[in-house]
């Protein structure tokens, strides 16, 4: 409830500001995580297991679970990789290129759900392990928008836009996918490598070029 109140106040303040700041898009930096299928969850954590919500994420219905897994690659291991809920139809792992170096794999840059031909990996949980044939990607940067914000920015679902980042290490990111849905909340998603390169943190604001 408190978070919803804060978000509403921020929107009201931004709406009263002139120029680019009023058109600001809040930043959400995505750390490595996994979206998991019900089949794989039962293998990793036991039959009939359900995820335990740790905290809600900004997008409606999505949450960070208390459960984590370990990723085992050809050259290295990443422990305590957070599961994001709710459960999905397919298992998808989103990591940065740096994480790929650690694991010894080369995940392609893909839009969410496009895992065909991506590398596989071993995922270990508290009760078992799964060997994935594919499913590890670097998620392509994108913007979630509700319809009202899409109209405000004059974009539609599937558009590709250029995002401008302010600050001492700022610059631009091209080829940013716009995703529009009534339940979405305005947020620019990028991974930790991209955020670190331009000095972005959660809660910062970017604009469209």
N, C-alpha and C. Protein backbone atom coordinates (compact mmCIF):
# COMPACT_ATOMS: atom_id res chain seq x y z
N UNK A 1 0.83 -1.20 0.00
CA UNK A 1 0.00 0.00 0.00
C UNK A 1 0.87 1.25 0.00
N UNK A 2 1.91 1.29 0.85
CA UNK A 2 2.77 2.46 0.92
C UNK A 2 3.48 2.69 -0.41
N UNK A 3 3.94 1.59 -1.05
CA UNK A 3 4.64 1.71 -2.32
C UNK A 3 3.71 2.29 -3.39
N UNK A 4 2.46 1.85 -3.39
CA UNK A 4 1.50 2.36 -4.36
C UNK A 4 1.26 3.85 -4.17
N UNK A 5 1.23 4.29 -2.91
CA UNK A 5 1.04 5.71 -2.61
C UNK A 5 2.23 6.52 -3.11
N UNK A 6 3.44 6.00 -2.86
CA UNK A 6 4.65 6.69 -3.31
C UNK A 6 4.67 6.82 -4.83
N UNK A 7 4.33 5.73 -5.54
CA UNK A 7 4.32 5.75 -7.00
C UNK A 7 3.32 6.78 -7.52
N UNK A 8 2.16 6.86 -6.87
CA UNK A 8 1.16 7.82 -7.30
C UNK A 8 1.63 9.26 -7.10
N UNK A 9 2.31 9.52 -5.97
CA UNK A 9 2.83 10.85 -5.70
C UNK A 9 3.88 11.23 -6.74
N UNK A 10 4.77 10.26 -7.08
CA UNK A 10 5.80 10.52 -8.08
C UNK A 10 5.16 10.88 -9.42
N UNK A 11 4.13 10.14 -9.81
CA UNK A 11 3.45 10.43 -11.08
C UNK A 11 2.84 11.83 -11.08
N UNK A 12 2.26 12.21 -9.95
CA UNK A 12 1.63 13.52 -9.86
C UNK A 12 2.68 14.64 -9.95
N UNK A 13 3.82 14.43 -9.30
CA UNK A 13 4.89 15.42 -9.34
C UNK A 13 5.44 15.56 -10.76
N UNK A 14 5.70 14.41 -11.42
CA UNK A 14 6.24 14.44 -12.77
C UNK A 14 5.28 15.11 -13.74
N UNK A 15 3.99 14.88 -13.54
CA UNK A 15 3.00 15.45 -14.45
C UNK A 15 2.99 16.98 -14.40
N UNK A 16 3.46 17.56 -13.27
CA UNK A 16 3.46 19.00 -13.12
C UNK A 16 4.76 19.64 -13.59
N UNK A 17 5.75 18.82 -13.92
CA UNK A 17 7.05 19.35 -14.33
C UNK A 17 7.10 19.54 -15.84
N UNK A 18 7.81 20.57 -16.31
CA UNK A 18 7.88 20.84 -17.74
C UNK A 18 8.95 20.00 -18.42
N UNK A 19 8.88 19.99 -19.75
CA UNK A 19 9.95 19.44 -20.56
C UNK A 19 10.16 17.95 -20.40
N UNK A 20 11.41 17.51 -20.61
CA UNK A 20 11.72 16.10 -20.65
C UNK A 20 11.47 15.41 -19.31
N UNK A 21 11.67 16.10 -18.20
CA UNK A 21 11.50 15.45 -16.91
C UNK A 21 10.08 14.93 -16.75
N UNK A 22 9.12 15.69 -17.26
CA UNK A 22 7.73 15.26 -17.19
C UNK A 22 7.49 14.01 -18.02
N UNK A 23 8.35 13.76 -19.00
CA UNK A 23 8.23 12.57 -19.84
C UNK A 23 9.19 11.48 -19.38
N UNK A 24 9.68 11.58 -18.15
CA UNK A 24 10.65 10.62 -17.65
C UNK A 24 10.06 9.23 -17.50
N UNK A 25 10.92 8.23 -17.74
CA UNK A 25 10.55 6.82 -17.60
C UNK A 25 11.40 6.22 -16.49
N UNK A 26 10.80 5.67 -15.43
CA UNK A 26 11.58 5.10 -14.34
C UNK A 26 12.34 3.86 -14.77
N UNK A 27 13.49 3.66 -14.16
CA UNK A 27 14.40 2.57 -14.51
C UNK A 27 14.23 1.39 -13.55
N UNK A 28 14.22 0.19 -14.11
CA UNK A 28 14.25 -1.03 -13.32
C UNK A 28 15.40 -1.90 -13.80
N UNK A 29 16.44 -2.04 -12.99
CA UNK A 29 17.61 -2.83 -13.37
C UNK A 29 17.36 -4.30 -13.02
N UNK A 30 17.47 -5.16 -14.02
CA UNK A 30 17.20 -6.59 -13.81
C UNK A 30 18.48 -7.36 -13.50
N UNK A 31 18.56 -7.84 -12.28
CA UNK A 31 19.66 -8.74 -11.93
C UNK A 31 19.35 -10.13 -12.49
N UNK A 32 20.33 -11.02 -12.48
CA UNK A 32 20.10 -12.38 -12.97
C UNK A 32 18.92 -13.02 -12.24
N UNK A 33 18.09 -13.75 -12.97
CA UNK A 33 16.94 -14.41 -12.36
C UNK A 33 16.44 -15.53 -13.26
N UNK A 34 15.49 -16.30 -12.74
CA UNK A 34 14.91 -17.40 -13.49
C UNK A 34 13.40 -17.37 -13.38
N UNK A 35 12.73 -17.59 -14.52
CA UNK A 35 11.29 -17.84 -14.56
C UNK A 35 11.15 -19.35 -14.72
N UNK A 36 10.29 -19.98 -13.93
CA UNK A 36 10.30 -21.43 -13.84
C UNK A 36 8.94 -22.02 -14.18
N UNK A 37 8.97 -23.19 -14.81
CA UNK A 37 7.75 -23.93 -15.11
C UNK A 37 7.36 -24.76 -13.90
N UNK A 38 6.09 -25.15 -13.84
CA UNK A 38 5.63 -25.98 -12.71
C UNK A 38 6.32 -27.33 -12.69
N UNK A 39 6.56 -27.90 -13.86
CA UNK A 39 7.24 -29.19 -13.94
C UNK A 39 8.65 -29.11 -13.35
N UNK A 40 9.40 -28.10 -13.74
CA UNK A 40 10.76 -27.97 -13.25
C UNK A 40 10.79 -27.58 -11.77
N UNK A 41 9.80 -26.81 -11.32
CA UNK A 41 9.76 -26.44 -9.91
C UNK A 41 9.59 -27.68 -9.02
N UNK A 42 8.76 -28.61 -9.45
CA UNK A 42 8.56 -29.82 -8.66
C UNK A 42 9.82 -30.68 -8.64
N UNK A 43 10.55 -30.70 -9.75
CA UNK A 43 11.81 -31.43 -9.77
C UNK A 43 12.83 -30.81 -8.83
N UNK A 44 12.88 -29.49 -8.82
CA UNK A 44 13.89 -28.78 -8.03
C UNK A 44 13.54 -28.71 -6.54
N UNK A 45 12.24 -28.64 -6.22
CA UNK A 45 11.85 -28.38 -4.84
C UNK A 45 10.88 -29.40 -4.24
N UNK A 46 10.40 -30.33 -5.05
CA UNK A 46 9.52 -31.36 -4.51
C UNK A 46 8.11 -31.28 -5.07
N UNK A 47 7.44 -32.43 -5.10
CA UNK A 47 6.10 -32.51 -5.68
C UNK A 47 5.11 -31.63 -4.91
N UNK A 48 4.31 -30.87 -5.67
CA UNK A 48 3.30 -30.02 -5.07
C UNK A 48 3.83 -28.72 -4.48
N UNK A 49 5.10 -28.42 -4.73
CA UNK A 49 5.71 -27.23 -4.12
C UNK A 49 5.16 -25.95 -4.75
N UNK A 50 4.98 -24.93 -3.94
CA UNK A 50 4.55 -23.61 -4.41
C UNK A 50 5.57 -22.56 -4.00
N UNK A 51 5.74 -21.56 -4.85
CA UNK A 51 6.67 -20.49 -4.55
C UNK A 51 6.20 -19.66 -3.35
N UNK A 52 7.17 -19.17 -2.60
CA UNK A 52 6.90 -18.31 -1.45
C UNK A 52 7.24 -16.87 -1.81
N UNK A 53 6.24 -16.00 -1.79
CA UNK A 53 6.48 -14.61 -2.18
C UNK A 53 7.36 -13.90 -1.15
N UNK A 54 8.41 -13.24 -1.66
CA UNK A 54 9.27 -12.41 -0.81
C UNK A 54 8.82 -10.95 -0.90
N UNK A 55 8.69 -10.44 -2.14
CA UNK A 55 8.20 -9.07 -2.32
C UNK A 55 7.60 -8.92 -3.71
N UNK A 56 6.62 -8.03 -3.82
CA UNK A 56 6.02 -7.73 -5.11
C UNK A 56 6.98 -6.92 -5.96
N UNK A 57 6.94 -7.15 -7.27
CA UNK A 57 7.67 -6.34 -8.22
C UNK A 57 6.75 -5.27 -8.77
N UNK A 58 7.30 -4.35 -9.53
CA UNK A 58 6.50 -3.22 -9.99
C UNK A 58 5.40 -3.65 -10.95
N UNK A 59 5.69 -4.63 -11.82
CA UNK A 59 4.69 -5.08 -12.76
C UNK A 59 3.61 -5.90 -12.05
N UNK A 60 2.37 -5.64 -12.38
CA UNK A 60 1.23 -6.24 -11.68
C UNK A 60 1.29 -7.77 -11.72
N UNK A 61 1.17 -8.40 -10.55
CA UNK A 61 1.12 -9.85 -10.46
C UNK A 61 2.47 -10.52 -10.40
N UNK A 62 3.56 -9.79 -10.64
CA UNK A 62 4.89 -10.39 -10.61
C UNK A 62 5.53 -10.17 -9.24
N UNK A 63 6.34 -11.15 -8.82
CA UNK A 63 6.96 -11.05 -7.50
C UNK A 63 8.29 -11.78 -7.48
N UNK A 64 9.15 -11.36 -6.55
CA UNK A 64 10.40 -12.08 -6.27
C UNK A 64 10.09 -13.12 -5.21
N UNK A 65 10.45 -14.36 -5.48
CA UNK A 65 10.21 -15.45 -4.54
C UNK A 65 11.38 -15.57 -3.56
N UNK A 66 11.13 -16.20 -2.44
CA UNK A 66 12.21 -16.45 -1.48
C UNK A 66 13.14 -17.54 -1.99
N UNK A 67 12.62 -18.40 -2.87
CA UNK A 67 13.41 -19.52 -3.36
C UNK A 67 14.48 -19.06 -4.37
N UNK A 68 15.62 -19.69 -4.31
CA UNK A 68 16.70 -19.45 -5.27
C UNK A 68 17.20 -20.78 -5.80
N UNK A 69 17.95 -20.71 -6.90
CA UNK A 69 18.56 -21.90 -7.49
C UNK A 69 20.04 -21.63 -7.74
N UNK A 70 20.74 -22.68 -8.08
CA UNK A 70 22.15 -22.57 -8.46
C UNK A 70 22.29 -22.95 -9.93
N UNK A 71 22.96 -22.11 -10.70
CA UNK A 71 23.22 -22.39 -12.11
C UNK A 71 24.62 -22.98 -12.25
N UNK A 72 24.72 -24.10 -12.95
CA UNK A 72 26.00 -24.79 -13.13
C UNK A 72 26.32 -24.83 -14.62
N UNK A 73 27.38 -24.11 -15.00
CA UNK A 73 27.79 -24.06 -16.39
C UNK A 73 29.06 -24.84 -16.63
N UNK A 74 29.54 -24.86 -17.88
CA UNK A 74 30.77 -25.60 -18.22
C UNK A 74 32.01 -25.10 -17.49
N UNK A 75 32.03 -23.80 -17.12
CA UNK A 75 33.23 -23.24 -16.51
C UNK A 75 33.02 -22.69 -15.11
N UNK A 76 31.78 -22.53 -14.67
CA UNK A 76 31.58 -21.90 -13.37
C UNK A 76 30.17 -22.07 -12.85
N UNK A 77 29.94 -21.50 -11.66
CA UNK A 77 28.68 -21.67 -10.95
C UNK A 77 28.19 -20.30 -10.48
N UNK A 78 26.87 -20.07 -10.56
CA UNK A 78 26.25 -18.89 -9.97
C UNK A 78 25.21 -19.36 -8.96
N UNK A 79 25.43 -19.04 -7.69
CA UNK A 79 24.53 -19.47 -6.62
C UNK A 79 23.51 -18.38 -6.30
N UNK A 80 22.44 -18.77 -5.64
CA UNK A 80 21.40 -17.86 -5.14
C UNK A 80 20.80 -17.00 -6.24
N UNK A 81 20.47 -17.64 -7.34
CA UNK A 81 19.79 -16.95 -8.44
C UNK A 81 18.29 -16.95 -8.14
N UNK A 82 17.71 -15.77 -8.04
CA UNK A 82 16.34 -15.61 -7.57
C UNK A 82 15.31 -16.11 -8.58
N UNK A 83 14.28 -16.78 -8.07
CA UNK A 83 13.14 -17.16 -8.90
C UNK A 83 12.14 -16.02 -8.87
N UNK A 84 11.62 -15.65 -10.05
CA UNK A 84 10.57 -14.65 -10.14
C UNK A 84 9.25 -15.34 -10.48
N UNK A 85 8.21 -15.01 -9.74
CA UNK A 85 6.91 -15.60 -9.97
C UNK A 85 6.01 -14.64 -10.74
N UNK A 86 4.86 -15.15 -11.17
CA UNK A 86 4.33 -16.49 -10.94
C UNK A 86 4.97 -17.53 -11.86
N UNK A 87 4.58 -18.79 -11.65
CA UNK A 87 5.08 -19.89 -12.48
C UNK A 87 4.68 -19.66 -13.92
N UNK A 88 5.58 -20.02 -14.85
CA UNK A 88 5.32 -19.84 -16.28
C UNK A 88 5.22 -21.19 -16.99
N UNK A 89 4.85 -21.14 -18.27
CA UNK A 89 4.72 -22.36 -19.05
C UNK A 89 6.08 -22.97 -19.37
N UNK A 90 7.08 -22.11 -19.57
CA UNK A 90 8.42 -22.59 -19.88
C UNK A 90 9.43 -21.95 -18.92
N UNK A 91 10.53 -22.64 -18.71
CA UNK A 91 11.60 -22.11 -17.87
C UNK A 91 12.52 -21.24 -18.71
N UNK A 92 12.79 -20.05 -18.22
CA UNK A 92 13.66 -19.10 -18.91
C UNK A 92 14.59 -18.46 -17.90
N UNK A 93 15.88 -18.42 -18.21
CA UNK A 93 16.87 -17.83 -17.33
C UNK A 93 17.42 -16.58 -18.00
N UNK A 94 17.44 -15.48 -17.27
CA UNK A 94 17.92 -14.21 -17.79
C UNK A 94 19.16 -13.78 -17.02
N UNK A 95 20.27 -13.69 -17.73
CA UNK A 95 21.55 -13.32 -17.11
C UNK A 95 22.20 -12.22 -17.93
N UNK A 96 23.28 -11.64 -17.41
CA UNK A 96 24.05 -10.66 -18.17
C UNK A 96 25.16 -11.36 -18.95
N UNK A 97 25.77 -10.63 -19.87
CA UNK A 97 26.90 -11.20 -20.61
C UNK A 97 28.05 -11.54 -19.66
N UNK A 98 28.27 -10.72 -18.64
CA UNK A 98 29.30 -11.01 -17.64
C UNK A 98 29.02 -12.33 -16.94
N UNK A 99 27.75 -12.58 -16.57
CA UNK A 99 27.38 -13.86 -15.97
C UNK A 99 27.70 -15.01 -16.92
N UNK A 100 27.47 -14.77 -18.22
CA UNK A 100 27.77 -15.80 -19.21
C UNK A 100 29.25 -16.16 -19.22
N UNK A 101 30.11 -15.16 -19.08
CA UNK A 101 31.55 -15.42 -19.01
C UNK A 101 31.87 -16.32 -17.82
N UNK A 102 31.25 -16.04 -16.68
CA UNK A 102 31.49 -16.83 -15.47
C UNK A 102 31.06 -18.28 -15.67
N UNK A 103 29.89 -18.46 -16.30
CA UNK A 103 29.36 -19.81 -16.49
C UNK A 103 30.02 -20.56 -17.64
N UNK A 104 30.58 -19.82 -18.58
CA UNK A 104 31.19 -20.45 -19.75
C UNK A 104 30.21 -20.69 -20.88
N UNK A 105 29.19 -19.84 -21.00
CA UNK A 105 28.22 -19.94 -22.08
C UNK A 105 28.05 -18.58 -22.73
N UNK A 106 27.43 -18.55 -23.92
CA UNK A 106 27.21 -17.32 -24.65
C UNK A 106 25.72 -17.13 -24.90
N UNK A 107 25.01 -16.56 -23.94
CA UNK A 107 23.57 -16.36 -24.12
C UNK A 107 23.30 -15.27 -25.16
N UNK A 108 22.38 -15.50 -26.07
CA UNK A 108 22.05 -14.47 -27.07
C UNK A 108 21.15 -13.39 -26.47
N UNK A 109 21.16 -12.21 -27.08
CA UNK A 109 20.24 -11.15 -26.69
C UNK A 109 18.90 -11.44 -27.35
N UNK A 110 17.88 -11.66 -26.54
CA UNK A 110 16.57 -12.05 -27.05
C UNK A 110 15.45 -11.32 -26.30
N UNK A 111 14.33 -11.14 -27.00
CA UNK A 111 13.11 -10.72 -26.31
C UNK A 111 12.61 -11.89 -25.47
N UNK A 112 11.92 -11.58 -24.40
CA UNK A 112 11.43 -12.62 -23.50
C UNK A 112 10.57 -13.64 -24.25
N UNK A 113 10.81 -14.91 -23.97
CA UNK A 113 10.06 -15.99 -24.58
C UNK A 113 10.71 -16.57 -25.82
N UNK A 114 11.69 -15.87 -26.39
CA UNK A 114 12.36 -16.34 -27.60
C UNK A 114 13.64 -17.10 -27.22
N UNK A 115 13.46 -18.35 -26.81
CA UNK A 115 14.59 -19.11 -26.29
C UNK A 115 15.11 -20.16 -27.26
N UNK A 116 14.46 -20.31 -28.41
CA UNK A 116 14.87 -21.34 -29.36
C UNK A 116 16.33 -21.12 -29.78
N UNK A 117 17.14 -22.18 -29.64
CA UNK A 117 18.54 -22.10 -30.04
C UNK A 117 19.46 -21.47 -29.02
N UNK A 118 18.91 -21.08 -27.87
CA UNK A 118 19.76 -20.51 -26.81
C UNK A 118 20.46 -21.63 -26.03
N UNK A 119 21.51 -21.30 -25.28
CA UNK A 119 22.24 -22.34 -24.55
C UNK A 119 21.40 -22.97 -23.44
N UNK A 120 21.75 -24.18 -23.10
CA UNK A 120 21.17 -24.84 -21.94
C UNK A 120 22.10 -24.73 -20.75
N UNK A 121 21.66 -25.28 -19.61
CA UNK A 121 22.46 -25.20 -18.40
C UNK A 121 21.85 -26.16 -17.37
N UNK A 122 22.61 -26.46 -16.34
CA UNK A 122 22.09 -27.27 -15.23
C UNK A 122 21.59 -26.33 -14.14
N UNK A 123 20.36 -26.58 -13.68
CA UNK A 123 19.75 -25.80 -12.61
C UNK A 123 19.55 -26.72 -11.41
N UNK A 124 20.11 -26.32 -10.27
CA UNK A 124 20.02 -27.14 -9.06
C UNK A 124 19.17 -26.45 -8.01
N UNK A 125 18.25 -27.22 -7.39
CA UNK A 125 17.43 -26.73 -6.30
C UNK A 125 17.66 -27.54 -5.05
N UNK A 126 16.80 -27.40 -4.07
CA UNK A 126 17.00 -28.08 -2.79
C UNK A 126 16.68 -29.57 -2.83
N UNK A 127 15.90 -30.00 -3.84
CA UNK A 127 15.49 -31.41 -3.91
C UNK A 127 15.97 -32.13 -5.16
N UNK A 128 16.56 -31.41 -6.09
CA UNK A 128 16.98 -32.06 -7.32
C UNK A 128 17.57 -31.08 -8.30
N UNK A 129 17.83 -31.58 -9.52
CA UNK A 129 18.44 -30.75 -10.55
C UNK A 129 17.77 -31.01 -11.89
N UNK A 130 17.81 -30.00 -12.75
CA UNK A 130 17.27 -30.08 -14.10
C UNK A 130 18.35 -29.69 -15.09
N UNK A 131 18.50 -30.47 -16.14
CA UNK A 131 19.41 -30.11 -17.22
C UNK A 131 18.59 -29.53 -18.36
N UNK A 132 18.72 -28.24 -18.58
CA UNK A 132 17.96 -27.57 -19.64
C UNK A 132 18.69 -27.69 -20.97
N UNK A 133 17.94 -28.01 -22.02
CA UNK A 133 18.50 -28.08 -23.36
C UNK A 133 18.71 -26.67 -23.93
N UNK A 134 17.85 -25.75 -23.52
CA UNK A 134 17.92 -24.35 -23.94
C UNK A 134 17.20 -23.51 -22.91
N UNK A 135 17.30 -22.18 -23.05
CA UNK A 135 16.54 -21.32 -22.14
C UNK A 135 17.30 -20.20 -21.47
N UNK A 136 18.61 -20.08 -21.75
CA UNK A 136 19.40 -19.01 -21.11
C UNK A 136 19.60 -17.88 -22.11
N UNK A 137 19.14 -16.68 -21.73
CA UNK A 137 19.26 -15.53 -22.63
C UNK A 137 19.75 -14.29 -21.88
N UNK A 138 20.23 -13.31 -22.64
CA UNK A 138 20.38 -11.95 -22.14
C UNK A 138 19.12 -11.22 -22.60
N UNK A 139 18.29 -10.83 -21.68
CA UNK A 139 17.02 -10.21 -22.05
C UNK A 139 17.26 -8.88 -22.75
N UNK A 140 16.66 -8.70 -23.90
CA UNK A 140 16.78 -7.44 -24.63
C UNK A 140 16.13 -6.32 -23.84
N UNK A 141 16.77 -5.16 -23.81
CA UNK A 141 16.21 -4.04 -23.07
C UNK A 141 14.85 -3.66 -23.65
N UNK A 142 13.94 -3.24 -22.77
CA UNK A 142 12.57 -2.98 -23.19
C UNK A 142 11.89 -2.03 -22.22
N UNK A 143 10.76 -1.49 -22.64
CA UNK A 143 9.96 -0.59 -21.80
C UNK A 143 8.55 -1.16 -21.66
N UNK A 144 8.11 -1.32 -20.43
CA UNK A 144 6.72 -1.66 -20.15
C UNK A 144 5.91 -0.37 -20.13
N UNK A 145 4.76 -0.37 -20.80
CA UNK A 145 3.90 0.82 -20.81
C UNK A 145 2.43 0.43 -20.74
N UNK A 146 1.65 1.11 -19.90
CA UNK A 146 0.20 1.01 -20.03
C UNK A 146 -0.24 1.83 -21.22
N UNK A 147 -1.48 1.65 -21.65
CA UNK A 147 -1.96 2.31 -22.87
C UNK A 147 -1.88 3.83 -22.78
N UNK A 148 -2.18 4.38 -21.60
CA UNK A 148 -2.17 5.84 -21.45
C UNK A 148 -0.78 6.41 -21.70
N UNK A 149 0.24 5.74 -21.19
CA UNK A 149 1.61 6.22 -21.40
C UNK A 149 2.04 6.02 -22.85
N UNK A 150 1.60 4.92 -23.48
CA UNK A 150 1.93 4.70 -24.89
C UNK A 150 1.37 5.84 -25.74
N UNK A 151 0.15 6.27 -25.43
CA UNK A 151 -0.44 7.39 -26.15
C UNK A 151 0.34 8.67 -25.91
N UNK A 152 0.78 8.85 -24.66
CA UNK A 152 1.53 10.06 -24.30
C UNK A 152 2.87 10.12 -25.04
N UNK A 153 3.49 8.95 -25.24
CA UNK A 153 4.78 8.91 -25.93
C UNK A 153 4.62 8.68 -27.44
N UNK A 154 3.38 8.52 -27.90
CA UNK A 154 3.10 8.33 -29.33
C UNK A 154 3.78 7.07 -29.87
N UNK A 155 3.63 5.96 -29.13
CA UNK A 155 4.18 4.68 -29.56
C UNK A 155 3.10 3.61 -29.44
N UNK A 156 3.33 2.46 -30.08
CA UNK A 156 2.43 1.33 -29.98
C UNK A 156 3.24 0.08 -29.64
N UNK A 157 2.53 -0.96 -29.24
CA UNK A 157 3.19 -2.21 -28.88
C UNK A 157 4.03 -2.73 -30.04
N UNK A 158 5.27 -3.09 -29.73
CA UNK A 158 6.18 -3.61 -30.75
C UNK A 158 7.09 -2.59 -31.38
N UNK A 159 6.86 -1.31 -31.11
CA UNK A 159 7.77 -0.28 -31.62
C UNK A 159 9.16 -0.44 -31.03
N UNK A 160 10.15 0.05 -31.75
CA UNK A 160 11.53 0.11 -31.26
C UNK A 160 11.90 1.59 -31.14
N UNK A 161 12.41 1.98 -29.98
CA UNK A 161 12.70 3.38 -29.71
C UNK A 161 14.14 3.55 -29.24
N UNK A 162 14.55 4.82 -29.15
CA UNK A 162 15.87 5.18 -28.63
C UNK A 162 15.68 5.85 -27.28
N UNK A 163 16.40 5.38 -26.29
CA UNK A 163 16.33 5.91 -24.93
C UNK A 163 17.56 6.74 -24.63
N UNK A 164 17.36 7.90 -24.05
CA UNK A 164 18.46 8.79 -23.67
C UNK A 164 18.69 8.72 -22.17
N UNK A 165 19.96 8.53 -21.79
CA UNK A 165 20.34 8.42 -20.38
C UNK A 165 21.12 9.67 -19.98
N UNK A 166 20.70 10.37 -18.93
CA UNK A 166 21.42 11.56 -18.49
C UNK A 166 22.63 11.19 -17.62
N UNK A 167 23.40 12.19 -17.22
CA UNK A 167 24.48 11.96 -16.28
C UNK A 167 25.85 11.93 -16.90
N UNK A 168 26.86 11.82 -16.03
CA UNK A 168 28.27 11.88 -16.46
C UNK A 168 28.64 10.74 -17.40
N UNK A 169 28.01 9.57 -17.23
CA UNK A 169 28.31 8.43 -18.10
C UNK A 169 27.14 8.12 -19.01
N UNK A 170 26.26 9.10 -19.20
CA UNK A 170 25.05 8.90 -19.99
C UNK A 170 25.32 8.70 -21.46
N UNK A 171 24.26 8.43 -22.18
CA UNK A 171 24.37 8.20 -23.61
C UNK A 171 23.00 7.82 -24.14
N UNK A 172 22.97 6.94 -25.14
CA UNK A 172 21.70 6.48 -25.70
C UNK A 172 21.73 4.97 -25.88
N UNK A 173 20.55 4.36 -25.77
CA UNK A 173 20.36 2.95 -26.09
C UNK A 173 19.35 2.88 -27.22
N UNK A 174 19.75 2.27 -28.34
CA UNK A 174 18.86 2.10 -29.47
C UNK A 174 18.18 0.74 -29.42
N UNK A 175 17.22 0.54 -30.32
CA UNK A 175 16.56 -0.75 -30.48
C UNK A 175 15.89 -1.23 -29.20
N UNK A 176 15.25 -0.32 -28.48
CA UNK A 176 14.56 -0.66 -27.23
C UNK A 176 13.11 -1.01 -27.56
N UNK A 177 12.71 -2.23 -27.21
CA UNK A 177 11.36 -2.71 -27.51
C UNK A 177 10.32 -2.07 -26.59
N UNK A 178 9.22 -1.62 -27.17
CA UNK A 178 8.09 -1.11 -26.39
C UNK A 178 7.05 -2.21 -26.25
N UNK A 179 6.68 -2.49 -25.02
CA UNK A 179 5.65 -3.50 -24.74
C UNK A 179 4.48 -2.80 -24.06
N UNK A 180 3.31 -2.86 -24.67
CA UNK A 180 2.13 -2.15 -24.16
C UNK A 180 1.08 -3.16 -23.72
N UNK A 181 0.55 -2.95 -22.51
CA UNK A 181 -0.51 -3.81 -21.98
C UNK A 181 -1.26 -3.03 -20.91
N UNK A 182 -2.57 -3.22 -20.79
CA UNK A 182 -3.33 -2.47 -19.78
C UNK A 182 -2.83 -2.64 -18.36
N UNK A 183 -2.25 -3.81 -18.06
CA UNK A 183 -1.79 -4.07 -16.68
C UNK A 183 -0.35 -3.63 -16.43
N UNK A 184 0.34 -3.19 -17.47
CA UNK A 184 1.74 -2.80 -17.28
C UNK A 184 1.82 -1.47 -16.53
N UNK A 185 2.94 -1.32 -15.83
CA UNK A 185 3.30 -0.04 -15.22
C UNK A 185 4.57 0.47 -15.91
N UNK A 186 4.64 1.76 -16.12
CA UNK A 186 5.73 2.34 -16.88
C UNK A 186 7.09 2.03 -16.23
N UNK A 187 7.98 1.39 -17.01
CA UNK A 187 9.30 1.05 -16.48
C UNK A 187 10.21 0.61 -17.63
N UNK A 188 11.45 1.11 -17.60
CA UNK A 188 12.49 0.74 -18.56
C UNK A 188 13.35 -0.35 -17.93
N UNK A 189 13.38 -1.53 -18.56
CA UNK A 189 14.14 -2.66 -18.04
C UNK A 189 15.44 -2.85 -18.83
N UNK A 190 16.52 -3.00 -18.13
CA UNK A 190 17.82 -3.32 -18.73
C UNK A 190 18.60 -4.15 -17.72
N UNK A 191 19.66 -4.84 -18.20
CA UNK A 191 20.40 -5.70 -17.28
C UNK A 191 21.52 -4.94 -16.58
N UNK A 192 22.21 -5.64 -15.68
CA UNK A 192 23.21 -4.99 -14.84
C UNK A 192 24.41 -4.49 -15.63
N UNK A 193 24.82 -5.22 -16.66
CA UNK A 193 25.93 -4.75 -17.49
C UNK A 193 25.60 -3.41 -18.14
N UNK A 194 24.41 -3.33 -18.71
CA UNK A 194 23.99 -2.10 -19.40
C UNK A 194 23.85 -0.95 -18.41
N UNK A 195 23.24 -1.23 -17.26
CA UNK A 195 23.05 -0.19 -16.26
C UNK A 195 24.38 0.34 -15.73
N UNK A 196 25.30 -0.55 -15.44
CA UNK A 196 26.60 -0.13 -14.93
C UNK A 196 27.37 0.70 -15.95
N UNK A 197 27.21 0.37 -17.23
CA UNK A 197 27.96 1.07 -18.27
C UNK A 197 27.59 2.55 -18.35
N UNK A 198 26.32 2.87 -18.01
CA UNK A 198 25.88 4.26 -18.13
C UNK A 198 25.50 4.87 -16.77
N UNK A 199 25.81 4.16 -15.70
CA UNK A 199 25.61 4.70 -14.36
C UNK A 199 24.15 4.78 -13.92
N UNK A 200 23.31 3.86 -14.40
CA UNK A 200 21.90 3.86 -14.01
C UNK A 200 21.65 2.98 -12.80
N UNK A 201 20.67 3.40 -11.98
CA UNK A 201 20.23 2.63 -10.82
C UNK A 201 18.71 2.58 -10.81
N UNK A 202 18.18 1.65 -10.03
CA UNK A 202 16.73 1.60 -9.86
C UNK A 202 16.21 2.95 -9.37
N UNK A 203 15.12 3.39 -9.97
CA UNK A 203 14.53 4.66 -9.56
C UNK A 203 15.02 5.87 -10.32
N UNK A 204 16.12 5.73 -11.10
CA UNK A 204 16.54 6.80 -11.99
C UNK A 204 15.50 6.97 -13.11
N UNK A 205 15.65 8.06 -13.86
CA UNK A 205 14.72 8.30 -14.96
C UNK A 205 15.49 8.48 -16.28
N UNK A 206 14.89 7.96 -17.35
CA UNK A 206 15.43 8.16 -18.69
C UNK A 206 14.32 8.78 -19.54
N UNK A 207 14.67 9.20 -20.75
CA UNK A 207 13.69 9.80 -21.66
C UNK A 207 13.83 9.15 -23.03
N UNK A 208 12.81 9.35 -23.84
CA UNK A 208 12.90 8.90 -25.24
C UNK A 208 13.57 9.99 -26.06
N UNK A 209 14.44 9.57 -26.96
CA UNK A 209 15.16 10.53 -27.82
C UNK A 209 14.21 11.18 -28.81
